[in-house]
Amino acid sequence: ALALARWTLIVTNAPVERLSAEEALLLFRARWQVELLFKLWKSHGHV
């Protein structure tokens, strides 16, 4: 497990013709924007 920390790993069942490896990595980063929305609600709205 410590050795795998050397890698960013993504598992997907989307075929390569629909989602390239580069696109998957970029979308993986974009998922953080959803987390930022909830962070905004917690830090600003104290929900």
ModelCIF file with pLDDT and N, C-alpha, C, O atoms, coordinates in Angstrom:
data_MODEL
#
_entry.id   MODEL 
#
_entity.id                         1 
_entity.type                       polymer 
_entity.pdbx_number_of_molecules   1 
#
_entity_poly.entity_id                      1 
_entity_poly.type                           'polypeptide(L)' 
_entity_poly.nstd_linkage                   no 
_entity_poly.nstd_monomer                   no 
_entity_poly.pdbx_seq_one_letter_code       ALALARWTLIVTNAPVERLSAEEALLLFRARWQVELLFKLWKSHGHV 
_entity_poly.pdbx_seq_one_letter_code_can   ALALARWTLIVTNAPVERLSAEEALLLFRARWQVELLFKLWKSHGHV 
_entity_poly.pdbx_strand_id                 A 
#
loop_
_entity_poly_seq.entity_id 
_entity_poly_seq.num 
_entity_poly_seq.mon_id 
_entity_poly_seq.hetero 
1 1  ALA n 
1 2  LEU n 
1 3  ALA n 
1 4  LEU n 
1 5  ALA n 
1 6  ARG n 
1 7  TRP n 
1 8  THR n 
1 9  LEU n 
1 10 ILE n 
1 11 VAL n 
1 12 THR n 
1 13 ASN n 
1 14 ALA n 
1 15 PRO n 
1 16 VAL n 
1 17 GLU n 
1 18 ARG n 
1 19 LEU n 
1 20 SER n 
1 21 ALA n 
1 22 GLU n 
1 23 GLU n 
1 24 ALA n 
1 25 LEU n 
1 26 LEU n 
1 27 LEU n 
1 28 PHE n 
1 29 ARG n 
1 30 ALA n 
1 31 ARG n 
1 32 TRP n 
1 33 GLN n 
1 34 VAL n 
1 35 GLU n 
1 36 LEU n 
1 37 LEU n 
1 38 PHE n 
1 39 LYS n 
1 40 LEU n 
1 41 TRP n 
1 42 LYS n 
1 43 SER n 
1 44 HIS n 
1 45 GLY n 
1 46 HIS n 
1 47 VAL n 
#
_struct_asym.id          A 
_struct_asym.entity_id   1 
#
loop_
_ma_qa_metric.id 
_ma_qa_metric.mode 
_ma_qa_metric.name 
_ma_qa_metric.software_group_id 
_ma_qa_metric.type 
1 global pLDDT . pLDDT 
2 local  pLDDT . pLDDT 
#
_ma_qa_metric_global.metric_id      1 
_ma_qa_metric_global.metric_value   82.38 
_ma_qa_metric_global.model_id       1 
_ma_qa_metric_global.ordinal_id     1 
#
loop_
_ma_qa_metric_local.label_asym_id 
_ma_qa_metric_local.label_comp_id 
_ma_qa_metric_local.label_seq_id 
_ma_qa_metric_local.metric_id 
_ma_qa_metric_local.metric_value 
_ma_qa_metric_local.model_id 
_ma_qa_metric_local.ordinal_id 
A ALA 1  2 78.00 1 1  
A LEU 2  2 81.00 1 2  
A ALA 3  2 82.00 1 3  
A LEU 4  2 84.00 1 4  
A ALA 5  2 84.00 1 5  
A ARG 6  2 85.00 1 6  
A TRP 7  2 85.00 1 7  
A THR 8  2 85.00 1 8  
A LEU 9  2 87.00 1 9  
A ILE 10 2 88.00 1 10 
A VAL 11 2 89.00 1 11 
A THR 12 2 89.00 1 12 
A ASN 13 2 89.00 1 13 
A ALA 14 2 89.00 1 14 
A PRO 15 2 88.00 1 15 
A VAL 16 2 87.00 1 16 
A GLU 17 2 87.00 1 17 
A ARG 18 2 87.00 1 18 
A LEU 19 2 85.00 1 19 
A SER 20 2 85.00 1 20 
A ALA 21 2 84.00 1 21 
A GLU 22 2 80.00 1 22 
A GLU 23 2 81.00 1 23 
A ALA 24 2 84.00 1 24 
A LEU 25 2 80.00 1 25 
A LEU 26 2 78.00 1 26 
A LEU 27 2 80.00 1 27 
A PHE 28 2 81.00 1 28 
A ARG 29 2 76.00 1 29 
A ALA 30 2 76.00 1 30 
A ARG 31 2 78.00 1 31 
A TRP 32 2 76.00 1 32 
A GLN 33 2 74.00 1 33 
A VAL 34 2 78.00 1 34 
A GLU 35 2 80.00 1 35 
A LEU 36 2 77.00 1 36 
A LEU 37 2 78.00 1 37 
A PHE 38 2 81.00 1 38 
A LYS 39 2 81.00 1 39 
A LEU 40 2 78.00 1 40 
A TRP 41 2 81.00 1 41 
A LYS 42 2 82.00 1 42 
A SER 43 2 81.00 1 43 
A HIS 44 2 78.00 1 44 
A GLY 45 2 83.00 1 45 
A HIS 46 2 87.00 1 46 
A VAL 47 2 85.00 1 47 
#
loop_
_atom_site.group_PDB 
_atom_site.id 
_atom_site.type_symbol 
_atom_site.label_atom_id 
_atom_site.label_alt_id 
_atom_site.label_comp_id 
_atom_site.label_asym_id 
_atom_site.label_entity_id 
_atom_site.label_seq_id 
_atom_site.pdbx_PDB_ins_code 
_atom_site.Cartn_x 
_atom_site.Cartn_y 
_atom_site.Cartn_z 
_atom_site.occupancy 
_atom_site.B_iso_or_equiv 
_atom_site.pdbx_formal_charge 
_atom_site.auth_seq_id 
_atom_site.auth_comp_id 
_atom_site.auth_asym_id 
_atom_site.auth_atom_id 
_atom_site.pdbx_PDB_model_num 
ATOM 1   N N  . ALA A 1 1  ? 0.833   -1.206 0.000   1.00 78.00 ? 1  ALA A N  1 
ATOM 2   C CA . ALA A 1 1  ? 0.000   0.000  0.000   1.00 78.00 ? 1  ALA A CA 1 
ATOM 3   C C  . ALA A 1 1  ? 0.869   1.258  0.000   1.00 78.00 ? 1  ALA A C  1 
ATOM 4   O O  . ALA A 1 1  ? 0.548   2.230  -0.683  1.00 78.00 ? 1  ALA A O  1 
ATOM 5   N N  . LEU A 1 2  ? 1.947   1.245  0.747   1.00 81.00 ? 2  LEU A N  1 
ATOM 6   C CA . LEU A 1 2  ? 2.837   2.406  0.795   1.00 81.00 ? 2  LEU A CA 1 
ATOM 7   C C  . LEU A 1 2  ? 3.527   2.608  -0.555  1.00 81.00 ? 2  LEU A C  1 
ATOM 8   O O  . LEU A 1 2  ? 3.764   3.742  -0.972  1.00 81.00 ? 2  LEU A O  1 
ATOM 9   N N  . ALA A 1 3  ? 3.847   1.506  -1.232  1.00 82.00 ? 3  ALA A N  1 
ATOM 10  C CA . ALA A 1 3  ? 4.491   1.618  -2.540  1.00 82.00 ? 3  ALA A CA 1 
ATOM 11  C C  . ALA A 1 3  ? 3.536   2.198  -3.581  1.00 82.00 ? 3  ALA A C  1 
ATOM 12  O O  . ALA A 1 3  ? 3.963   2.939  -4.467  1.00 82.00 ? 3  ALA A O  1 
ATOM 13  N N  . LEU A 1 4  ? 2.258   1.871  -3.483  1.00 84.00 ? 4  LEU A N  1 
ATOM 14  C CA . LEU A 1 4  ? 1.269   2.389  -4.437  1.00 84.00 ? 4  LEU A CA 1 
ATOM 15  C C  . LEU A 1 4  ? 1.009   3.875  -4.265  1.00 84.00 ? 4  LEU A C  1 
ATOM 16  O O  . LEU A 1 4  ? 0.395   4.499  -5.130  1.00 84.00 ? 4  LEU A O  1 
ATOM 17  N N  . ALA A 1 5  ? 1.472   4.457  -3.149  1.00 84.00 ? 5  ALA A N  1 
ATOM 18  C CA . ALA A 1 5  ? 1.330   5.899  -2.944  1.00 84.00 ? 5  ALA A CA 1 
ATOM 19  C C  . ALA A 1 5  ? 2.093   6.676  -4.007  1.00 84.00 ? 5  ALA A C  1 
ATOM 20  O O  . ALA A 1 5  ? 1.891   7.878  -4.176  1.00 84.00 ? 5  ALA A O  1 
ATOM 21  N N  . ARG A 1 6  ? 2.958   5.991  -4.711  1.00 85.00 ? 6  ARG A N  1 
ATOM 22  C CA . ARG A 1 6  ? 3.740   6.613  -5.778  1.00 85.00 ? 6  ARG A CA 1 
ATOM 23  C C  . ARG A 1 6  ? 2.899   6.874  -7.028  1.00 85.00 ? 6  ARG A C  1 
ATOM 24  O O  . ARG A 1 6  ? 3.359   7.501  -7.982  1.00 85.00 ? 6  ARG A O  1 
ATOM 25  N N  . TRP A 1 7  ? 1.639   6.374  -7.006  1.00 85.00 ? 7  TRP A N  1 
ATOM 26  C CA . TRP A 1 7  ? 0.812   6.447  -8.198  1.00 85.00 ? 7  TRP A CA 1 
ATOM 27  C C  . TRP A 1 7  ? -0.559  7.044  -7.884  1.00 85.00 ? 7  TRP A C  1 
ATOM 28  O O  . TRP A 1 7  ? -1.110  6.838  -6.803  1.00 85.00 ? 7  TRP A O  1 
ATOM 29  N N  . THR A 1 8  ? -1.092  7.783  -8.845  1.00 85.00 ? 8  THR A N  1 
ATOM 30  C CA . THR A 1 8  ? -2.515  8.130  -8.835  1.00 85.00 ? 8  THR A CA 1 
ATOM 31  C C  . THR A 1 8  ? -3.230  7.058  -9.629  1.00 85.00 ? 8  THR A C  1 
ATOM 32  O O  . THR A 1 8  ? -2.941  6.854  -10.808 1.00 85.00 ? 8  THR A O  1 
ATOM 33  N N  . LEU A 1 9  ? -4.169  6.367  -8.986  1.00 87.00 ? 9  LEU A N  1 
ATOM 34  C CA . LEU A 1 9  ? -4.844  5.226  -9.595  1.00 87.00 ? 9  LEU A CA 1 
ATOM 35  C C  . LEU A 1 9  ? -6.334  5.510  -9.762  1.00 87.00 ? 9  LEU A C  1 
ATOM 36  O O  . LEU A 1 9  ? -6.982  6.003  -8.839  1.00 87.00 ? 9  LEU A O  1 
ATOM 37  N N  . ILE A 1 10 ? -6.867  5.204  -10.920 1.00 88.00 ? 10 ILE A N  1 
ATOM 38  C CA . ILE A 1 10 ? -8.285  5.357  -11.216 1.00 88.00 ? 10 ILE A CA 1 
ATOM 39  C C  . ILE A 1 10 ? -8.795  4.056  -11.816 1.00 88.00 ? 10 ILE A C  1 
ATOM 40  O O  . ILE A 1 10 ? -8.170  3.494  -12.715 1.00 88.00 ? 10 ILE A O  1 
ATOM 41  N N  . VAL A 1 11 ? -9.919  3.584  -11.323 1.00 89.00 ? 11 VAL A N  1 
ATOM 42  C CA . VAL A 1 11 ? -10.569 2.396  -11.878 1.00 89.00 ? 11 VAL A CA 1 
ATOM 43  C C  . VAL A 1 11 ? -11.876 2.835  -12.527 1.00 89.00 ? 11 VAL A C  1 
ATOM 44  O O  . VAL A 1 11 ? -12.682 3.519  -11.897 1.00 89.00 ? 11 VAL A O  1 
ATOM 45  N N  . THR A 1 12 ? -12.090 2.450  -13.775 1.00 89.00 ? 12 THR A N  1 
ATOM 46  C CA . THR A 1 12 ? -13.308 2.823  -14.487 1.00 89.00 ? 12 THR A CA 1 
ATOM 47  C C  . THR A 1 12 ? -13.740 1.684  -15.398 1.00 89.00 ? 12 THR A C  1 
ATOM 48  O O  . THR A 1 12 ? -12.910 0.919  -15.888 1.00 89.00 ? 12 THR A O  1 
ATOM 49  N N  . ASN A 1 13 ? -15.043 1.578  -15.620 1.00 89.00 ? 13 ASN A N  1 
ATOM 50  C CA . ASN A 1 13 ? -15.540 0.606  -16.604 1.00 89.00 ? 13 ASN A CA 1 
ATOM 51  C C  . ASN A 1 13 ? -15.938 1.298  -17.910 1.00 89.00 ? 13 ASN A C  1 
ATOM 52  O O  . ASN A 1 13 ? -16.517 0.667  -18.795 1.00 89.00 ? 13 ASN A O  1 
ATOM 53  N N  . ALA A 1 14 ? -15.630 2.593  -18.032 1.00 89.00 ? 14 ALA A N  1 
ATOM 54  C CA . ALA A 1 14 ? -15.893 3.308  -19.285 1.00 89.00 ? 14 ALA A CA 1 
ATOM 55  C C  . ALA A 1 14 ? -14.885 2.859  -20.342 1.00 89.00 ? 14 ALA A C  1 
ATOM 56  O O  . ALA A 1 14 ? -13.683 2.875  -20.080 1.00 89.00 ? 14 ALA A O  1 
ATOM 57  N N  . PRO A 1 15 ? -15.344 2.460  -21.527 1.00 88.00 ? 15 PRO A N  1 
ATOM 58  C CA . PRO A 1 15 ? -14.416 2.009  -22.578 1.00 88.00 ? 15 PRO A CA 1 
ATOM 59  C C  . PRO A 1 15 ? -13.547 3.158  -23.078 1.00 88.00 ? 15 PRO A C  1 
ATOM 60  O O  . PRO A 1 15 ? -13.932 4.324  -22.993 1.00 88.00 ? 15 PRO A O  1 
ATOM 61  N N  . VAL A 1 16 ? -12.393 2.822  -23.591 1.00 87.00 ? 16 VAL A N  1 
ATOM 62  C CA . VAL A 1 16 ? -11.427 3.829  -24.003 1.00 87.00 ? 16 VAL A CA 1 
ATOM 63  C C  . VAL A 1 16 ? -11.963 4.711  -25.119 1.00 87.00 ? 16 VAL A C  1 
ATOM 64  O O  . VAL A 1 16 ? -11.588 5.880  -25.214 1.00 87.00 ? 16 VAL A O  1 
ATOM 65  N N  . GLU A 1 17 ? -12.842 4.168  -25.974 1.00 87.00 ? 17 GLU A N  1 
ATOM 66  C CA . GLU A 1 17 ? -13.384 4.988  -27.063 1.00 87.00 ? 17 GLU A CA 1 
ATOM 67  C C  . GLU A 1 17 ? -14.339 6.061  -26.552 1.00 87.00 ? 17 GLU A C  1 
ATOM 68  O O  . GLU A 1 17 ? -14.639 7.013  -27.272 1.00 87.00 ? 17 GLU A O  1 
ATOM 69  N N  . ARG A 1 18 ? -14.816 5.919  -25.330 1.00 87.00 ? 18 ARG A N  1 
ATOM 70  C CA . ARG A 1 18 ? -15.695 6.926  -24.741 1.00 87.00 ? 18 ARG A CA 1 
ATOM 71  C C  . ARG A 1 18 ? -14.971 7.820  -23.755 1.00 87.00 ? 18 ARG A C  1 
ATOM 72  O O  . ARG A 1 18 ? -15.386 8.956  -23.526 1.00 87.00 ? 18 ARG A O  1 
ATOM 73  N N  . LEU A 1 19 ? -13.893 7.323  -23.169 1.00 85.00 ? 19 LEU A N  1 
ATOM 74  C CA . LEU A 1 19 ? -13.170 8.094  -22.161 1.00 85.00 ? 19 LEU A CA 1 
ATOM 75  C C  . LEU A 1 19 ? -11.697 7.721  -22.223 1.00 85.00 ? 19 LEU A C  1 
ATOM 76  O O  . LEU A 1 19 ? -11.305 6.620  -21.836 1.00 85.00 ? 19 LEU A O  1 
ATOM 77  N N  . SER A 1 20 ? -10.889 8.648  -22.713 1.00 85.00 ? 20 SER A N  1 
ATOM 78  C CA . SER A 1 20 ? -9.454  8.379  -22.774 1.00 85.00 ? 20 SER A CA 1 
ATOM 79  C C  . SER A 1 20 ? -8.854  8.461  -21.370 1.00 85.00 ? 20 SER A C  1 
ATOM 80  O O  . SER A 1 20 ? -9.485  8.976  -20.447 1.00 85.00 ? 20 SER A O  1 
ATOM 81  N N  . ALA A 1 21 ? -7.644  7.953  -21.220 1.00 84.00 ? 21 ALA A N  1 
ATOM 82  C CA . ALA A 1 21 ? -6.978  7.989  -19.923 1.00 84.00 ? 21 ALA A CA 1 
ATOM 83  C C  . ALA A 1 21 ? -6.774  9.430  -19.460 1.00 84.00 ? 21 ALA A C  1 
ATOM 84  O O  . ALA A 1 21 ? -6.955  9.746  -18.284 1.00 84.00 ? 21 ALA A O  1 
ATOM 85  N N  . GLU A 1 22 ? -6.394  10.302 -20.399 1.00 80.00 ? 22 GLU A N  1 
ATOM 86  C CA . GLU A 1 22 ? -6.170  11.707 -20.046 1.00 80.00 ? 22 GLU A CA 1 
ATOM 87  C C  . GLU A 1 22 ? -7.467  12.377 -19.579 1.00 80.00 ? 22 GLU A C  1 
ATOM 88  O O  . GLU A 1 22 ? -7.473  13.145 -18.617 1.00 80.00 ? 22 GLU A O  1 
ATOM 89  N N  . GLU A 1 23 ? -8.569  12.068 -20.284 1.00 81.00 ? 23 GLU A N  1 
ATOM 90  C CA . GLU A 1 23 ? -9.865  12.636 -19.902 1.00 81.00 ? 23 GLU A CA 1 
ATOM 91  C C  . GLU A 1 23 ? -10.309 12.128 -18.535 1.00 81.00 ? 23 GLU A C  1 
ATOM 92  O O  . GLU A 1 23 ? -10.884 12.879 -17.747 1.00 81.00 ? 23 GLU A O  1 
ATOM 93  N N  . ALA A 1 24 ? -10.043 10.854 -18.252 1.00 84.00 ? 24 ALA A N  1 
ATOM 94  C CA . ALA A 1 24 ? -10.405 10.296 -16.950 1.00 84.00 ? 24 ALA A CA 1 
ATOM 95  C C  . ALA A 1 24 ? -9.656  10.995 -15.822 1.00 84.00 ? 24 ALA A C  1 
ATOM 96  O O  . ALA A 1 24 ? -10.230 11.278 -14.770 1.00 84.00 ? 24 ALA A O  1 
ATOM 97  N N  . LEU A 1 25 ? -8.374  11.273 -16.042 1.00 80.00 ? 25 LEU A N  1 
ATOM 98  C CA . LEU A 1 25 ? -7.578  11.953 -15.019 1.00 80.00 ? 25 LEU A CA 1 
ATOM 99  C C  . LEU A 1 25 ? -8.074  13.382 -14.790 1.00 80.00 ? 25 LEU A C  1 
ATOM 100 O O  . LEU A 1 25 ? -8.096  13.873 -13.661 1.00 80.00 ? 25 LEU A O  1 
ATOM 101 N N  . LEU A 1 26 ? -8.470  14.037 -15.880 1.00 78.00 ? 26 LEU A N  1 
ATOM 102 C CA . LEU A 1 26 ? -8.965  15.402 -15.751 1.00 78.00 ? 26 LEU A CA 1 
ATOM 103 C C  . LEU A 1 26 ? -10.321 15.430 -15.051 1.00 78.00 ? 26 LEU A C  1 
ATOM 104 O O  . LEU A 1 26 ? -10.560 16.295 -14.208 1.00 78.00 ? 26 LEU A O  1 
ATOM 105 N N  . LEU A 1 27 ? -11.208 14.501 -15.386 1.00 80.00 ? 27 LEU A N  1 
ATOM 106 C CA . LEU A 1 27 ? -12.507 14.423 -14.733 1.00 80.00 ? 27 LEU A CA 1 
ATOM 107 C C  . LEU A 1 27 ? -12.364 14.048 -13.259 1.00 80.00 ? 27 LEU A C  1 
ATOM 108 O O  . LEU A 1 27 ? -13.139 14.502 -12.418 1.00 80.00 ? 27 LEU A O  1 
ATOM 109 N N  . PHE A 1 28 ? -11.382 13.227 -12.959 1.00 81.00 ? 28 PHE A N  1 
ATOM 110 C CA . PHE A 1 28 ? -11.115 12.859 -11.570 1.00 81.00 ? 28 PHE A CA 1 
ATOM 111 C C  . PHE A 1 28 ? -10.797 14.104 -10.746 1.00 81.00 ? 28 PHE A C  1 
ATOM 112 O O  . PHE A 1 28 ? -11.257 14.242 -9.612  1.00 81.00 ? 28 PHE A O  1 
ATOM 113 N N  . ARG A 1 29 ? -10.012 15.001 -11.322 1.00 76.00 ? 29 ARG A N  1 
ATOM 114 C CA . ARG A 1 29 ? -9.706  16.251 -10.635 1.00 76.00 ? 29 ARG A CA 1 
ATOM 115 C C  . ARG A 1 29 ? -10.946 17.135 -10.540 1.00 76.00 ? 29 ARG A C  1 
ATOM 116 O O  . ARG A 1 29 ? -11.156 17.802 -9.526  1.00 76.00 ? 29 ARG A O  1 
ATOM 117 N N  . ALA A 1 30 ? -11.772 17.144 -11.592 1.00 76.00 ? 30 ALA A N  1 
ATOM 118 C CA . ALA A 1 30 ? -12.957 18.006 -11.597 1.00 76.00 ? 30 ALA A CA 1 
ATOM 119 C C  . ALA A 1 30 ? -13.957 17.606 -10.526 1.00 76.00 ? 30 ALA A C  1 
ATOM 120 O O  . ALA A 1 30 ? -14.759 18.436 -10.097 1.00 76.00 ? 30 ALA A O  1 
ATOM 121 N N  . ARG A 1 31 ? -13.932 16.346 -10.079 1.00 78.00 ? 31 ARG A N  1 
ATOM 122 C CA . ARG A 1 31 ? -14.847 15.905 -9.022  1.00 78.00 ? 31 ARG A CA 1 
ATOM 123 C C  . ARG A 1 31 ? -14.653 16.708 -7.745  1.00 78.00 ? 31 ARG A C  1 
ATOM 124 O O  . ARG A 1 31 ? -15.570 16.811 -6.930  1.00 78.00 ? 31 ARG A O  1 
ATOM 125 N N  . TRP A 1 32 ? -13.466 17.279 -7.565  1.00 76.00 ? 32 TRP A N  1 
ATOM 126 C CA . TRP A 1 32 ? -13.196 18.067 -6.369  1.00 76.00 ? 32 TRP A CA 1 
ATOM 127 C C  . TRP A 1 32 ? -14.107 19.289 -6.292  1.00 76.00 ? 32 TRP A C  1 
ATOM 128 O O  . TRP A 1 32 ? -14.378 19.787 -5.200  1.00 76.00 ? 32 TRP A O  1 
ATOM 129 N N  . GLN A 1 33 ? -14.579 19.775 -7.431  1.00 74.00 ? 33 GLN A N  1 
ATOM 130 C CA . GLN A 1 33 ? -15.454 20.939 -7.426  1.00 74.00 ? 33 GLN A CA 1 
ATOM 131 C C  . GLN A 1 33 ? -16.753 20.649 -6.672  1.00 74.00 ? 33 GLN A C  1 
ATOM 132 O O  . GLN A 1 33 ? -17.322 21.547 -6.051  1.00 74.00 ? 33 GLN A O  1 
ATOM 133 N N  . VAL A 1 34 ? -17.225 19.396 -6.723  1.00 78.00 ? 34 VAL A N  1 
ATOM 134 C CA . VAL A 1 34 ? -18.415 19.018 -5.958  1.00 78.00 ? 34 VAL A CA 1 
ATOM 135 C C  . VAL A 1 34 ? -18.125 19.108 -4.468  1.00 78.00 ? 34 VAL A C  1 
ATOM 136 O O  . VAL A 1 34 ? -18.960 19.571 -3.691  1.00 78.00 ? 34 VAL A O  1 
ATOM 137 N N  . GLU A 1 35 ? -16.931 18.662 -4.074  1.00 80.00 ? 35 GLU A N  1 
ATOM 138 C CA . GLU A 1 35 ? -16.544 18.746 -2.672  1.00 80.00 ? 35 GLU A CA 1 
ATOM 139 C C  . GLU A 1 35 ? -16.456 20.206 -2.219  1.00 80.00 ? 35 GLU A C  1 
ATOM 140 O O  . GLU A 1 35 ? -16.787 20.530 -1.079  1.00 80.00 ? 35 GLU A O  1 
ATOM 141 N N  . LEU A 1 36 ? -16.009 21.074 -3.116  1.00 77.00 ? 36 LEU A N  1 
ATOM 142 C CA . LEU A 1 36 ? -15.910 22.496 -2.769  1.00 77.00 ? 36 LEU A CA 1 
ATOM 143 C C  . LEU A 1 36 ? -17.279 23.110 -2.492  1.00 77.00 ? 36 LEU A C  1 
ATOM 144 O O  . LEU A 1 36 ? -17.407 24.003 -1.654  1.00 77.00 ? 36 LEU A O  1 
ATOM 145 N N  . LEU A 1 37 ? -18.307 22.625 -3.203  1.00 78.00 ? 37 LEU A N  1 
ATOM 146 C CA . LEU A 1 37 ? -19.654 23.124 -2.960  1.00 78.00 ? 37 LEU A CA 1 
ATOM 147 C C  . LEU A 1 37 ? -20.099 22.779 -1.544  1.00 78.00 ? 37 LEU A C  1 
ATOM 148 O O  . LEU A 1 37 ? -20.621 23.636 -0.831  1.00 78.00 ? 37 LEU A O  1 
ATOM 149 N N  . PHE A 1 38 ? -19.895 21.525 -1.134  1.00 81.00 ? 38 PHE A N  1 
ATOM 150 C CA . PHE A 1 38 ? -20.271 21.131 0.222   1.00 81.00 ? 38 PHE A CA 1 
ATOM 151 C C  . PHE A 1 38 ? -19.408 21.851 1.259   1.00 81.00 ? 38 PHE A C  1 
ATOM 152 O O  . PHE A 1 38 ? -19.885 22.180 2.345   1.00 81.00 ? 38 PHE A O  1 
ATOM 153 N N  . LYS A 1 39 ? -18.144 22.093 0.924   1.00 81.00 ? 39 LYS A N  1 
ATOM 154 C CA . LYS A 1 39 ? -17.271 22.849 1.824   1.00 81.00 ? 39 LYS A CA 1 
ATOM 155 C C  . LYS A 1 39 ? -17.798 24.263 1.998   1.00 81.00 ? 39 LYS A C  1 
ATOM 156 O O  . LYS A 1 39 ? -17.772 24.814 3.099   1.00 81.00 ? 39 LYS A O  1 
ATOM 157 N N  . LEU A 1 40 ? -18.278 24.851 0.903   1.00 78.00 ? 40 LEU A N  1 
ATOM 158 C CA . LEU A 1 40 ? -18.856 26.190 0.955   1.00 78.00 ? 40 LEU A CA 1 
ATOM 159 C C  . LEU A 1 40 ? -20.076 26.209 1.864   1.00 78.00 ? 40 LEU A C  1 
ATOM 160 O O  . LEU A 1 40 ? -20.230 27.118 2.680   1.00 78.00 ? 40 LEU A O  1 
ATOM 161 N N  . TRP A 1 41 ? -20.939 25.216 1.726   1.00 81.00 ? 41 TRP A N  1 
ATOM 162 C CA . TRP A 1 41 ? -22.149 25.159 2.552   1.00 81.00 ? 41 TRP A CA 1 
ATOM 163 C C  . TRP A 1 41 ? -21.800 24.978 4.028   1.00 81.00 ? 41 TRP A C  1 
ATOM 164 O O  . TRP A 1 41 ? -22.484 25.520 4.897   1.00 81.00 ? 41 TRP A O  1 
ATOM 165 N N  . LYS A 1 42 ? -20.750 24.228 4.314   1.00 82.00 ? 42 LYS A N  1 
ATOM 166 C CA . LYS A 1 42 ? -20.372 23.996 5.705   1.00 82.00 ? 42 LYS A CA 1 
ATOM 167 C C  . LYS A 1 42 ? -19.685 25.207 6.308   1.00 82.00 ? 42 LYS A C  1 
ATOM 168 O O  . LYS A 1 42 ? -19.999 25.604 7.431   1.00 82.00 ? 42 LYS A O  1 
ATOM 169 N N  . SER A 1 43 ? -18.745 25.802 5.571   1.00 81.00 ? 43 SER A N  1 
ATOM 170 C CA . SER A 1 43 ? -17.963 26.904 6.130   1.00 81.00 ? 43 SER A CA 1 
ATOM 171 C C  . SER A 1 43 ? -18.741 28.212 6.145   1.00 81.00 ? 43 SER A C  1 
ATOM 172 O O  . SER A 1 43 ? -18.536 29.040 7.033   1.00 81.00 ? 43 SER A O  1 
ATOM 173 N N  . HIS A 1 44 ? -19.637 28.413 5.171   1.00 78.00 ? 44 HIS A N  1 
ATOM 174 C CA . HIS A 1 44 ? -20.405 29.656 5.114   1.00 78.00 ? 44 HIS A CA 1 
ATOM 175 C C  . HIS A 1 44 ? -21.774 29.510 5.776   1.00 78.00 ? 44 HIS A C  1 
ATOM 176 O O  . HIS A 1 44 ? -22.223 30.402 6.497   1.00 78.00 ? 44 HIS A O  1 
ATOM 177 N N  . GLY A 1 45 ? -22.422 28.392 5.527   1.00 83.00 ? 45 GLY A N  1 
ATOM 178 C CA . GLY A 1 45 ? -23.776 28.219 6.058   1.00 83.00 ? 45 GLY A CA 1 
ATOM 179 C C  . GLY A 1 45 ? -23.838 27.462 7.359   1.00 83.00 ? 45 GLY A C  1 
ATOM 180 O O  . GLY A 1 45 ? -24.879 27.440 8.014   1.00 83.00 ? 45 GLY A O  1 
ATOM 181 N N  . HIS A 1 46 ? -22.724 26.832 7.752   1.00 87.00 ? 46 HIS A N  1 
ATOM 182 C CA . HIS A 1 46 ? -22.669 26.060 9.005   1.00 87.00 ? 46 HIS A CA 1 
ATOM 183 C C  . HIS A 1 46 ? -23.827 25.063 9.083   1.00 87.00 ? 46 HIS A C  1 
ATOM 184 O O  . HIS A 1 46 ? -24.456 24.902 10.129  1.00 87.00 ? 46 HIS A O  1 
ATOM 185 N N  . VAL A 1 47 ? -24.096 24.398 7.953   1.00 85.00 ? 47 VAL A N  1 
ATOM 186 C CA . VAL A 1 47 ? -25.221 23.452 7.935   1.00 85.00 ? 47 VAL A CA 1 
ATOM 187 C C  . VAL A 1 47 ? -24.958 22.219 8.794   1.00 85.00 ? 47 VAL A C  1 
ATOM 188 O O  . VAL A 1 47 ? -25.809 21.334 8.880   1.00 85.00 ? 47 VAL A O  1 
#
